[in-house]
Amino acid sequence: MFESTVGLRLLDRTTRKLALTSYGEAYLAQVSRLVDEAQRTFDDMMAVAKGPSGFLKIAAPPDFWVLRHLSGVITEFSALHEHIHVHVDLKPAPVDLVSDNYDLAVAIEEPRETSLIVRKVAEVENGIFGAPAYLAERGAPMTPFDLEAHQVIVPMQGTSATWTLTRGSETVATTVGGPLSCNSLSLARRFAVAGQGLTRANVINVDNDLTTGRLQRVLPDWSLPATPVYFVTTSRLLPAKARSFIDFATKRLAAVLANASGDPRRGARAARPVERASLAP
């Protein structure tokens, strides 16, 4: 009946299946946006009446700082919003927000999909660390180029990597490598604690190791690029539950990460929330 009214075929029909035509796909996309906007309007009305509510599904990387520090931010948020049920999935990147029905993702790598809305909310300081036993045997590097003679645990697939270090106006690129590599910063840290070589790590992830003497920082005057922290969504038009979390976590996360480092000037710093340009509606 509807197809007859508009004069267009929206579905291709066979005895075995139904498939959308190009007109059907365009119509479904527009109708879906209308349904989403209607749901957001309802959520906003409910938020005015009794505060944000609903099921908030978040994806986050399985990194140590997430387990230790983001969990505290989520706990505080949950205590303030009794009508929001927060569910967190720890998943390595990349995450499919649409297929897995996530409201937002916490990411430490900027997604390649240009249709996603990316908000940079903080940065985490990185450093180079090694176990005292390893440094006693091999000596501590005095310059970035000394790293080439060391065993370096590369936290990515491959036998080598190029690290860029800066000190003031100086910038140095050096190739590092060793007999061990992995795809986990946590595992790379464990290898370093066991004396298998040097590795790069988030400063806040190894604060206990530094305090107890399991690890020592090398080349402390040189800086590696900081790890950015992003909030990623599929649209700027967010339900009240997601907006409330992003507003709360943006204010709290950088402060929590900085305090965890033991020095508010180090470990993490707030980033002025910036959204990447997007083609998404």
C-alpha atoms as a PDB file:
ATOM      1  CA  MET A   1       0.000   0.000   0.000  1.00  0.00           C
ATOM      2  CA  PHE A   2       2.731   2.478   0.964  1.00  0.00           C
ATOM      3  CA  GLU A   3       4.806   1.624  -2.110  1.00  0.00           C
ATOM      4  CA  SER A   4       1.771   2.218  -4.302  1.00  0.00           C
ATOM      5  CA  THR A   5       1.180   5.575  -2.680  1.00  0.00           C
ATOM      6  CA  VAL A   6       4.737   6.869  -3.171  1.00  0.00           C
ATOM      7  CA  GLY A   7       5.222   5.103  -6.499  1.00  0.00           C
ATOM      8  CA  LEU A   8       8.526   3.510  -5.511  1.00  0.00           C
ATOM      9  CA  ARG A   9       9.543  -0.035  -4.683  1.00  0.00           C
ATOM     10  CA  LEU A  10      11.148  -0.202  -1.242  1.00  0.00           C
ATOM     11  CA  LEU A  11      11.623  -3.975  -1.054  1.00  0.00           C
ATOM     12  CA  ASP A  12      12.782  -6.622  -3.497  1.00  0.00           C
ATOM     13  CA  ARG A  13      10.727  -9.727  -2.790  1.00  0.00           C
ATOM     14  CA  THR A  14      11.488 -13.310  -3.664  1.00  0.00           C
ATOM     15  CA  THR A  15      10.101 -16.575  -2.343  1.00  0.00           C
ATOM     16  CA  ARG A  16      13.221 -16.891  -0.151  1.00  0.00           C
ATOM     17  CA  LYS A  17      13.969 -13.429   1.176  1.00  0.00           C
ATOM     18  CA  LEU A  18      13.238  -9.723   1.321  1.00  0.00           C
ATOM     19  CA  ALA A  19      15.893  -7.111   0.527  1.00  0.00           C
ATOM     20  CA  LEU A  20      15.810  -3.329   0.677  1.00  0.00           C
ATOM     21  CA  THR A  21      16.128  -1.393  -2.545  1.00  0.00           C
ATOM     22  CA  SER A  22      18.225   1.783  -2.642  1.00  0.00           C
ATOM     23  CA  TYR A  23      15.001   3.750  -2.021  1.00  0.00           C
ATOM     24  CA  GLY A  24      14.185   1.467   0.880  1.00  0.00           C
ATOM     25  CA  GLU A  25      17.626   1.941   2.433  1.00  0.00           C
ATOM     26  CA  ALA A  26      17.330   5.743   2.169  1.00  0.00           C
ATOM     27  CA  TYR A  27      13.845   5.661   3.687  1.00  0.00           C
ATOM     28  CA  LEU A  28      14.949   3.378   6.528  1.00  0.00           C
ATOM     29  CA  ALA A  29      17.906   5.666   7.330  1.00  0.00           C
ATOM     30  CA  GLN A  30      15.675   8.751   7.553  1.00  0.00           C
ATOM     31  CA  VAL A  31      12.993   6.984   9.572  1.00  0.00           C
ATOM     32  CA  SER A  32      15.642   5.601  11.945  1.00  0.00           C
ATOM     33  CA  ARG A  33      16.925   9.113  12.570  1.00  0.00           C
ATOM     34  CA  LEU A  34      13.390  10.276  13.339  1.00  0.00           C
ATOM     35  CA  VAL A  35      12.889   7.403  15.772  1.00  0.00           C
ATOM     36  CA  ASP A  36      16.227   8.184  17.446  1.00  0.00           C
ATOM     37  CA  GLU A  37      15.314  11.861  17.768  1.00  0.00           C
ATOM     38  CA  ALA A  38      11.921  10.930  19.212  1.00  0.00           C
ATOM     39  CA  GLN A  39      13.625   8.667  21.752  1.00  0.00           C
ATOM     40  CA  ARG A  40      16.071  11.429  22.686  1.00  0.00           C
ATOM     41  CA  THR A  41      13.190  13.879  23.096  1.00  0.00           C
ATOM     42  CA  PHE A  42      11.444  11.406  25.396  1.00  0.00           C
ATOM     43  CA  ASP A  43      14.677  10.863  27.350  1.00  0.00           C
ATOM     44  CA  ASP A  44      15.089  14.635  27.734  1.00  0.00           C
ATOM     45  CA  MET A  45      11.528  14.989  29.038  1.00  0.00           C
ATOM     46  CA  MET A  46      12.120  12.158  31.503  1.00  0.00           C
ATOM     47  CA  ALA A  47      15.407  13.750  32.541  1.00  0.00           C
ATOM     48  CA  VAL A  48      13.609  17.009  33.333  1.00  0.00           C
ATOM     49  CA  ALA A  49      11.000  15.103  35.343  1.00  0.00           C
ATOM     50  CA  LYS A  50      13.223  12.735  37.338  1.00  0.00           C
ATOM     51  CA  GLY A  51      16.782  13.031  36.035  1.00  0.00           C
ATOM     52  CA  PRO A  52      18.598  10.990  33.361  1.00  0.00           C
ATOM     53  CA  SER A  53      17.636   7.317  33.228  1.00  0.00           C
ATOM     54  CA  GLY A  54      18.077   4.151  31.219  1.00  0.00           C
ATOM     55  CA  PHE A  55      20.751   1.591  30.310  1.00  0.00           C
ATOM     56  CA  LEU A  56      24.133   3.194  29.517  1.00  0.00           C
ATOM     57  CA  LYS A  57      26.485   0.856  27.659  1.00  0.00           C
ATOM     58  CA  ILE A  58      30.162   1.865  27.578  1.00  0.00           C
ATOM     59  CA  ALA A  59      33.142   0.243  25.852  1.00  0.00           C
ATOM     60  CA  ALA A  60      36.605   0.838  27.324  1.00  0.00           C
ATOM     61  CA  PRO A  61      40.110  -0.572  26.716  1.00  0.00           C
ATOM     62  CA  PRO A  62      41.358  -3.249  29.150  1.00  0.00           C
ATOM     63  CA  ASP A  63      44.229  -1.035  30.327  1.00  0.00           C
ATOM     64  CA  PHE A  64      45.381  -0.834  33.928  1.00  0.00           C
ATOM     65  CA  TRP A  65      44.450   2.833  34.342  1.00  0.00           C
ATOM     66  CA  VAL A  66      40.890   2.011  33.225  1.00  0.00           C
ATOM     67  CA  LEU A  67      40.574  -0.749  35.816  1.00  0.00           C
ATOM     68  CA  ARG A  68      42.085   1.382  38.549  1.00  0.00           C
ATOM     69  CA  HIS A  69      40.943   4.940  37.834  1.00  0.00           C
ATOM     70  CA  LEU A  70      38.092   5.107  35.316  1.00  0.00           C
ATOM     71  CA  SER A  71      36.240   2.640  37.535  1.00  0.00           C
ATOM     72  CA  GLY A  72      36.258   5.255  40.299  1.00  0.00           C
ATOM     73  CA  VAL A  73      34.799   7.909  38.009  1.00  0.00           C
ATOM     74  CA  ILE A  74      32.035   5.516  36.942  1.00  0.00           C
ATOM     75  CA  THR A  75      31.333   4.639  40.589  1.00  0.00           C
ATOM     76  CA  GLU A  76      30.929   8.332  41.475  1.00  0.00           C
ATOM     77  CA  PHE A  77      28.662   8.888  38.480  1.00  0.00           C
ATOM     78  CA  SER A  78      26.496   5.878  39.344  1.00  0.00           C
ATOM     79  CA  ALA A  79      26.056   7.117  42.910  1.00  0.00           C
ATOM     80  CA  LEU A  80      24.747  10.446  41.594  1.00  0.00           C
ATOM     81  CA  HIS A  81      22.360   8.922  39.028  1.00  0.00           C
ATOM     82  CA  GLU A  82      20.353   6.125  40.584  1.00  0.00           C
ATOM     83  CA  HIS A  83      18.080   5.794  37.550  1.00  0.00           C
ATOM     84  CA  ILE A  84      20.952   5.026  35.144  1.00  0.00           C
ATOM     85  CA  HIS A  85      22.238   1.466  34.909  1.00  0.00           C
ATOM     86  CA  VAL A  86      25.859   1.576  33.732  1.00  0.00           C
ATOM     87  CA  HIS A  87      27.331  -1.420  31.928  1.00  0.00           C
ATOM     88  CA  VAL A  88      31.038  -1.447  30.973  1.00  0.00           C
ATOM     89  CA  ASP A  89      32.619  -3.819  28.448  1.00  0.00           C
ATOM     90  CA  LEU A  90      36.409  -4.025  28.411  1.00  0.00           C
ATOM     91  CA  LYS A  91      37.311  -4.457  24.751  1.00  0.00           C
ATOM     92  CA  PRO A  92      40.468  -3.761  22.770  1.00  0.00           C
ATOM     93  CA  ALA A  93      40.151  -1.314  19.900  1.00  0.00           C
ATOM     94  CA  PRO A  94      38.564  -1.024  17.441  1.00  0.00           C
ATOM     95  CA  VAL A  95      34.997  -1.150  18.783  1.00  0.00           C
ATOM     96  CA  ASP A  96      31.902  -1.231  16.565  1.00  0.00           C
ATOM     97  CA  LEU A  97      29.603   1.168  18.418  1.00  0.00           C
ATOM     98  CA  VAL A  98      26.661   0.646  16.078  1.00  0.00           C
ATOM     99  CA  SER A  99      26.635  -3.143  15.734  1.00  0.00           C
ATOM    100  CA  ASP A 100      27.305  -3.713  19.433  1.00  0.00           C
ATOM    101  CA  ASN A 101      24.832  -0.995  20.467  1.00  0.00           C
ATOM    102  CA  TYR A 102      27.228   1.082  22.601  1.00  0.00           C
ATOM    103  CA  ASP A 103      26.250   4.548  23.768  1.00  0.00           C
ATOM    104  CA  LEU A 104      29.907   5.611  23.861  1.00  0.00           C
ATOM    105  CA  ALA A 105      33.444   4.287  23.923  1.00  0.00           C
ATOM    106  CA  VAL A 106      36.530   5.349  25.827  1.00  0.00           C
ATOM    107  CA  ALA A 107      39.490   5.133  23.450  1.00  0.00           C
ATOM    108  CA  ILE A 108      43.224   5.827  23.489  1.00  0.00           C
ATOM    109  CA  GLU A 109      43.514   5.761  19.703  1.00  0.00           C
ATOM    110  CA  GLU A 110      41.598   8.092  17.417  1.00  0.00           C
ATOM    111  CA  PRO A 111      39.181   5.999  15.333  1.00  0.00           C
ATOM    112  CA  ARG A 112      39.674   5.995  11.591  1.00  0.00           C
ATOM    113  CA  GLU A 113      35.955   6.239  10.827  1.00  0.00           C
ATOM    114  CA  THR A 114      35.289   9.873   9.947  1.00  0.00           C
ATOM    115  CA  SER A 115      31.580   9.495  10.747  1.00  0.00           C
ATOM    116  CA  LEU A 116      32.267   9.120  14.487  1.00  0.00           C
ATOM    117  CA  ILE A 117      32.239  12.031  16.935  1.00  0.00           C
ATOM    118  CA  VAL A 118      35.549  12.093  18.823  1.00  0.00           C
ATOM    119  CA  ARG A 119      36.060  14.201  21.961  1.00  0.00           C
ATOM    120  CA  LYS A 120      39.586  14.468  23.359  1.00  0.00           C
ATOM    121  CA  VAL A 121      39.273  14.834  27.134  1.00  0.00           C
ATOM    122  CA  ALA A 122      42.712  14.115  28.659  1.00  0.00           C
ATOM    123  CA  GLU A 123      46.285  13.039  28.009  1.00  0.00           C
ATOM    124  CA  VAL A 124      48.357  10.506  29.950  1.00  0.00           C
ATOM    125  CA  GLU A 125      52.115  10.956  30.306  1.00  0.00           C
ATOM    126  CA  ASN A 126      54.400   8.181  29.063  1.00  0.00           C
ATOM    127  CA  GLY A 127      57.924   7.249  30.099  1.00  0.00           C
ATOM    128  CA  ILE A 128      60.607   4.575  29.637  1.00  0.00           C
ATOM    129  CA  PHE A 129      61.198   2.103  32.455  1.00  0.00           C
ATOM    130  CA  GLY A 130      63.403  -0.845  33.372  1.00  0.00           C
ATOM    131  CA  ALA A 131      64.050  -3.154  36.315  1.00  0.00           C
ATOM    132  CA  PRO A 132      67.006  -2.363  38.607  1.00  0.00           C
ATOM    133  CA  ALA A 133      68.580  -5.778  37.843  1.00  0.00           C
ATOM    134  CA  TYR A 134      68.455  -5.139  34.095  1.00  0.00           C
ATOM    135  CA  LEU A 135      69.895  -1.636  34.476  1.00  0.00           C
ATOM    136  CA  ALA A 136      72.664  -2.919  36.763  1.00  0.00           C
ATOM    137  CA  GLU A 137      73.668  -5.444  34.099  1.00  0.00           C
ATOM    138  CA  ARG A 138      73.268  -3.347  30.948  1.00  0.00           C
ATOM    139  CA  GLY A 139      73.634   0.197  32.300  1.00  0.00           C
ATOM    140  CA  ALA A 140      71.100   3.010  32.012  1.00  0.00           C
ATOM    141  CA  PRO A 141      70.819   4.825  28.672  1.00  0.00           C
ATOM    142  CA  MET A 142      72.115   8.395  28.872  1.00  0.00           C
ATOM    143  CA  THR A 143      70.796   9.615  25.501  1.00  0.00           C
ATOM    144  CA  PRO A 144      67.892   8.487  23.281  1.00  0.00           C
ATOM    145  CA  PHE A 145      70.362   6.954  20.834  1.00  0.00           C
ATOM    146  CA  ASP A 146      71.644   4.644  23.598  1.00  0.00           C
ATOM    147  CA  LEU A 147      68.257   2.880  23.426  1.00  0.00           C
ATOM    148  CA  GLU A 148      69.364   1.239  20.172  1.00  0.00           C
ATOM    149  CA  ALA A 149      71.857  -0.892  22.135  1.00  0.00           C
ATOM    150  CA  HIS A 150      69.248  -2.035  24.671  1.00  0.00           C
ATOM    151  CA  GLN A 151      66.662  -4.778  24.725  1.00  0.00           C
ATOM    152  CA  VAL A 152      63.347  -2.970  24.378  1.00  0.00           C
ATOM    153  CA  ILE A 153      60.008  -4.697  24.855  1.00  0.00           C
ATOM    154  CA  VAL A 154      57.848  -3.304  22.087  1.00  0.00           C
ATOM    155  CA  PRO A 155      54.151  -3.128  23.089  1.00  0.00           C
ATOM    156  CA  MET A 156      52.985  -3.778  19.527  1.00  0.00           C
ATOM    157  CA  GLN A 157      53.410  -6.451  16.891  1.00  0.00           C
ATOM    158  CA  GLY A 158      56.847  -6.374  15.311  1.00  0.00           C
ATOM    159  CA  THR A 159      60.518  -6.745  16.156  1.00  0.00           C
ATOM    160  CA  SER A 160      61.242  -3.010  16.213  1.00  0.00           C
ATOM    161  CA  ALA A 161      59.625   0.401  16.468  1.00  0.00           C
ATOM    162  CA  THR A 162      60.587   4.041  16.104  1.00  0.00           C
ATOM    163  CA  TRP A 163      60.238   6.187  19.216  1.00  0.00           C
ATOM    164  CA  THR A 164      60.204   9.973  19.069  1.00  0.00           C
ATOM    165  CA  LEU A 165      61.489  11.738  22.181  1.00  0.00           C
ATOM    166  CA  THR A 166      61.538  15.447  22.947  1.00  0.00           C
ATOM    167  CA  ARG A 167      63.418  17.638  25.414  1.00  0.00           C
ATOM    168  CA  GLY A 168      62.577  21.303  25.187  1.00  0.00           C
ATOM    169  CA  SER A 169      63.110  22.255  21.552  1.00  0.00           C
ATOM    170  CA  GLU A 170      65.043  19.045  20.766  1.00  0.00           C
ATOM    171  CA  THR A 171      63.346  16.131  18.978  1.00  0.00           C
ATOM    172  CA  VAL A 172      65.037  12.787  18.407  1.00  0.00           C
ATOM    173  CA  ALA A 173      63.744   9.691  16.589  1.00  0.00           C
ATOM    174  CA  THR A 174      65.409   6.405  17.446  1.00  0.00           C
ATOM    175  CA  THR A 175      64.798   2.791  16.448  1.00  0.00           C
ATOM    176  CA  VAL A 176      64.296   0.343  19.306  1.00  0.00           C
ATOM    177  CA  GLY A 177      63.740  -3.394  19.427  1.00  0.00           C
ATOM    178  CA  GLY A 178      64.458  -6.640  21.187  1.00  0.00           C
ATOM    179  CA  PRO A 179      63.587 -10.321  21.421  1.00  0.00           C
ATOM    180  CA  LEU A 180      60.156  -9.711  23.017  1.00  0.00           C
ATOM    181  CA  SER A 181      57.056  -7.911  21.817  1.00  0.00           C
ATOM    182  CA  CYS A 182      53.361  -8.082  22.713  1.00  0.00           C
ATOM    183  CA  ASN A 183      50.061  -6.307  22.117  1.00  0.00           C
ATOM    184  CA  SER A 184      49.469  -5.469  25.777  1.00  0.00           C
ATOM    185  CA  LEU A 185      50.960  -2.629  27.816  1.00  0.00           C
ATOM    186  CA  SER A 186      50.240  -4.608  30.987  1.00  0.00           C
ATOM    187  CA  LEU A 187      52.145  -7.635  29.715  1.00  0.00           C
ATOM    188  CA  ALA A 188      55.027  -5.446  28.521  1.00  0.00           C
ATOM    189  CA  ARG A 189      55.220  -3.997  32.029  1.00  0.00           C
ATOM    190  CA  ARG A 190      55.414  -7.519  33.496  1.00  0.00           C
ATOM    191  CA  PHE A 191      58.252  -8.408  31.126  1.00  0.00           C
ATOM    192  CA  ALA A 192      60.095  -5.259  32.210  1.00  0.00           C
ATOM    193  CA  VAL A 193      59.596  -6.024  35.917  1.00  0.00           C
ATOM    194  CA  ALA A 194      61.046  -9.491  35.236  1.00  0.00           C
ATOM    195  CA  GLY A 195      64.214  -7.856  33.880  1.00  0.00           C
ATOM    196  CA  GLN A 196      63.640  -8.654  30.204  1.00  0.00           C
ATOM    197  CA  GLY A 197      64.390  -5.126  28.996  1.00  0.00           C
ATOM    198  CA  LEU A 198      63.128  -1.567  28.828  1.00  0.00           C
ATOM    199  CA  THR A 199      59.594  -0.623  27.886  1.00  0.00           C
ATOM    200  CA  ARG A 200      57.414   2.439  27.501  1.00  0.00           C
ATOM    201  CA  ALA A 201      54.433   2.757  29.807  1.00  0.00           C
ATOM    202  CA  ASN A 202      51.859   5.192  31.109  1.00  0.00           C
ATOM    203  CA  VAL A 203      53.397   6.799  34.187  1.00  0.00           C
ATOM    204  CA  ILE A 204      50.239   6.209  36.242  1.00  0.00           C
ATOM    205  CA  ASN A 205      50.335   2.504  35.383  1.00  0.00           C
ATOM    206  CA  VAL A 206      53.716   1.977  37.022  1.00  0.00           C
ATOM    207  CA  ASP A 207      53.508   4.311  40.033  1.00  0.00           C
ATOM    208  CA  ASN A 208      53.450   1.375  42.474  1.00  0.00           C
ATOM    209  CA  ASP A 209      56.393  -0.239  40.696  1.00  0.00           C
ATOM    210  CA  LEU A 210      58.389   2.984  41.065  1.00  0.00           C
ATOM    211  CA  THR A 211      57.465   3.305  44.744  1.00  0.00           C
ATOM    212  CA  THR A 212      58.450  -0.283  45.562  1.00  0.00           C
ATOM    213  CA  GLY A 213      61.593  -0.197  43.416  1.00  0.00           C
ATOM    214  CA  ARG A 214      60.489  -2.858  40.935  1.00  0.00           C
ATOM    215  CA  LEU A 215      61.036  -0.369  38.091  1.00  0.00           C
ATOM    216  CA  GLN A 216      63.135   2.734  37.530  1.00  0.00           C
ATOM    217  CA  ARG A 217      62.533   5.485  35.006  1.00  0.00           C
ATOM    218  CA  VAL A 218      65.290   6.154  32.473  1.00  0.00           C
ATOM    219  CA  LEU A 219      65.857   9.305  30.425  1.00  0.00           C
ATOM    220  CA  PRO A 220      63.467  11.254  32.688  1.00  0.00           C
ATOM    221  CA  ASP A 221      64.323  14.563  30.983  1.00  0.00           C
ATOM    222  CA  TRP A 222      63.066  13.227  27.657  1.00  0.00           C
ATOM    223  CA  SER A 223      59.346  12.923  26.860  1.00  0.00           C
ATOM    224  CA  LEU A 224      57.502  10.431  24.699  1.00  0.00           C
ATOM    225  CA  PRO A 225      54.239  11.526  23.055  1.00  0.00           C
ATOM    226  CA  ALA A 226      51.413  11.510  25.584  1.00  0.00           C
ATOM    227  CA  THR A 227      48.579   8.992  25.245  1.00  0.00           C
ATOM    228  CA  PRO A 228      45.333  10.822  24.414  1.00  0.00           C
ATOM    229  CA  VAL A 229      42.036   9.788  25.979  1.00  0.00           C
ATOM    230  CA  TYR A 230      38.931  10.139  23.822  1.00  0.00           C
ATOM    231  CA  PHE A 231      35.200   9.747  24.251  1.00  0.00           C
ATOM    232  CA  VAL A 232      33.693   8.423  21.034  1.00  0.00           C
ATOM    233  CA  THR A 233      30.019   8.490  20.022  1.00  0.00           C
ATOM    234  CA  THR A 234      28.109   7.947  16.800  1.00  0.00           C
ATOM    235  CA  SER A 235      26.279  11.289  16.908  1.00  0.00           C
ATOM    236  CA  ARG A 236      26.277  14.701  18.560  1.00  0.00           C
ATOM    237  CA  LEU A 237      22.597  14.165  19.370  1.00  0.00           C
ATOM    238  CA  LEU A 238      22.965  12.107  22.526  1.00  0.00           C
ATOM    239  CA  PRO A 239      20.396  10.845  25.026  1.00  0.00           C
ATOM    240  CA  ALA A 240      20.456  12.515  28.435  1.00  0.00           C
ATOM    241  CA  LYS A 241      22.137   9.498  30.070  1.00  0.00           C
ATOM    242  CA  ALA A 242      25.138   9.690  27.717  1.00  0.00           C
ATOM    243  CA  ARG A 243      25.387  13.489  27.860  1.00  0.00           C
ATOM    244  CA  SER A 244      25.341  13.369  31.659  1.00  0.00           C
ATOM    245  CA  PHE A 245      28.156  10.809  31.782  1.00  0.00           C
ATOM    246  CA  ILE A 246      30.339  12.644  29.258  1.00  0.00           C
ATOM    247  CA  ASP A 247      29.889  15.980  31.056  1.00  0.00           C
ATOM    248  CA  PHE A 248      30.696  14.394  34.438  1.00  0.00           C
ATOM    249  CA  ALA A 249      33.600  12.227  33.286  1.00  0.00           C
ATOM    250  CA  THR A 250      35.208  15.006  31.225  1.00  0.00           C
ATOM    251  CA  LYS A 251      35.514  17.127  34.369  1.00  0.00           C
ATOM    252  CA  ARG A 252      36.641  14.311  36.662  1.00  0.00           C
ATOM    253  CA  LEU A 253      38.836  12.038  34.574  1.00  0.00           C
ATOM    254  CA  ALA A 254      41.862  14.295  34.032  1.00  0.00           C
ATOM    255  CA  ALA A 255      41.860  15.297  37.721  1.00  0.00           C
ATOM    256  CA  VAL A 256      41.685  11.656  38.844  1.00  0.00           C
ATOM    257  CA  LEU A 257      44.519  10.621  36.524  1.00  0.00           C
ATOM    258  CA  ALA A 258      46.695  13.555  37.613  1.00  0.00           C
ATOM    259  CA  ASN A 259      46.132  12.904  41.319  1.00  0.00           C
ATOM    260  CA  ALA A 260      46.944   9.231  40.805  1.00  0.00           C
ATOM    261  CA  SER A 261      50.413  10.177  39.579  1.00  0.00           C
ATOM    262  CA  GLY A 262      51.209  11.797  42.947  1.00  0.00           C
ATOM    263  CA  ASP A 263      51.895  15.175  41.322  1.00  0.00           C
ATOM    264  CA  PRO A 264      49.027  17.219  39.815  1.00  0.00           C
ATOM    265  CA  ARG A 265      51.516  18.614  37.270  1.00  0.00           C
ATOM    266  CA  ARG A 266      52.470  15.165  35.948  1.00  0.00           C
ATOM    267  CA  GLY A 267      50.885  11.882  34.960  1.00  0.00           C
ATOM    268  CA  ALA A 268      47.889  13.292  33.117  1.00  0.00           C
ATOM    269  CA  ARG A 269      46.564  16.635  32.011  1.00  0.00           C
ATOM    270  CA  ALA A 270      43.193  17.867  30.929  1.00  0.00           C
ATOM    271  CA  ALA A 271      42.623  18.488  27.282  1.00  0.00           C
ATOM    272  CA  ARG A 272      40.197  21.143  26.196  1.00  0.00           C
ATOM    273  CA  PRO A 273      37.325  19.052  24.826  1.00  0.00           C
ATOM    274  CA  VAL A 274      37.688  19.107  21.040  1.00  0.00           C
ATOM    275  CA  GLU A 275      35.437  17.353  18.577  1.00  0.00           C
ATOM    276  CA  ARG A 276      36.802  16.020  15.338  1.00  0.00           C
ATOM    277  CA  ALA A 277      34.898  17.232  12.303  1.00  0.00           C
ATOM    278  CA  SER A 278      32.358  14.669  11.197  1.00  0.00           C
ATOM    279  CA  LEU A 279      29.970  13.988   8.361  1.00  0.00           C
ATOM    280  CA  ALA A 280      27.497  12.412  10.736  1.00  0.00           C
ATOM    281  CA  PRO A 281      24.119  14.144  11.145  1.00  0.00           C
END
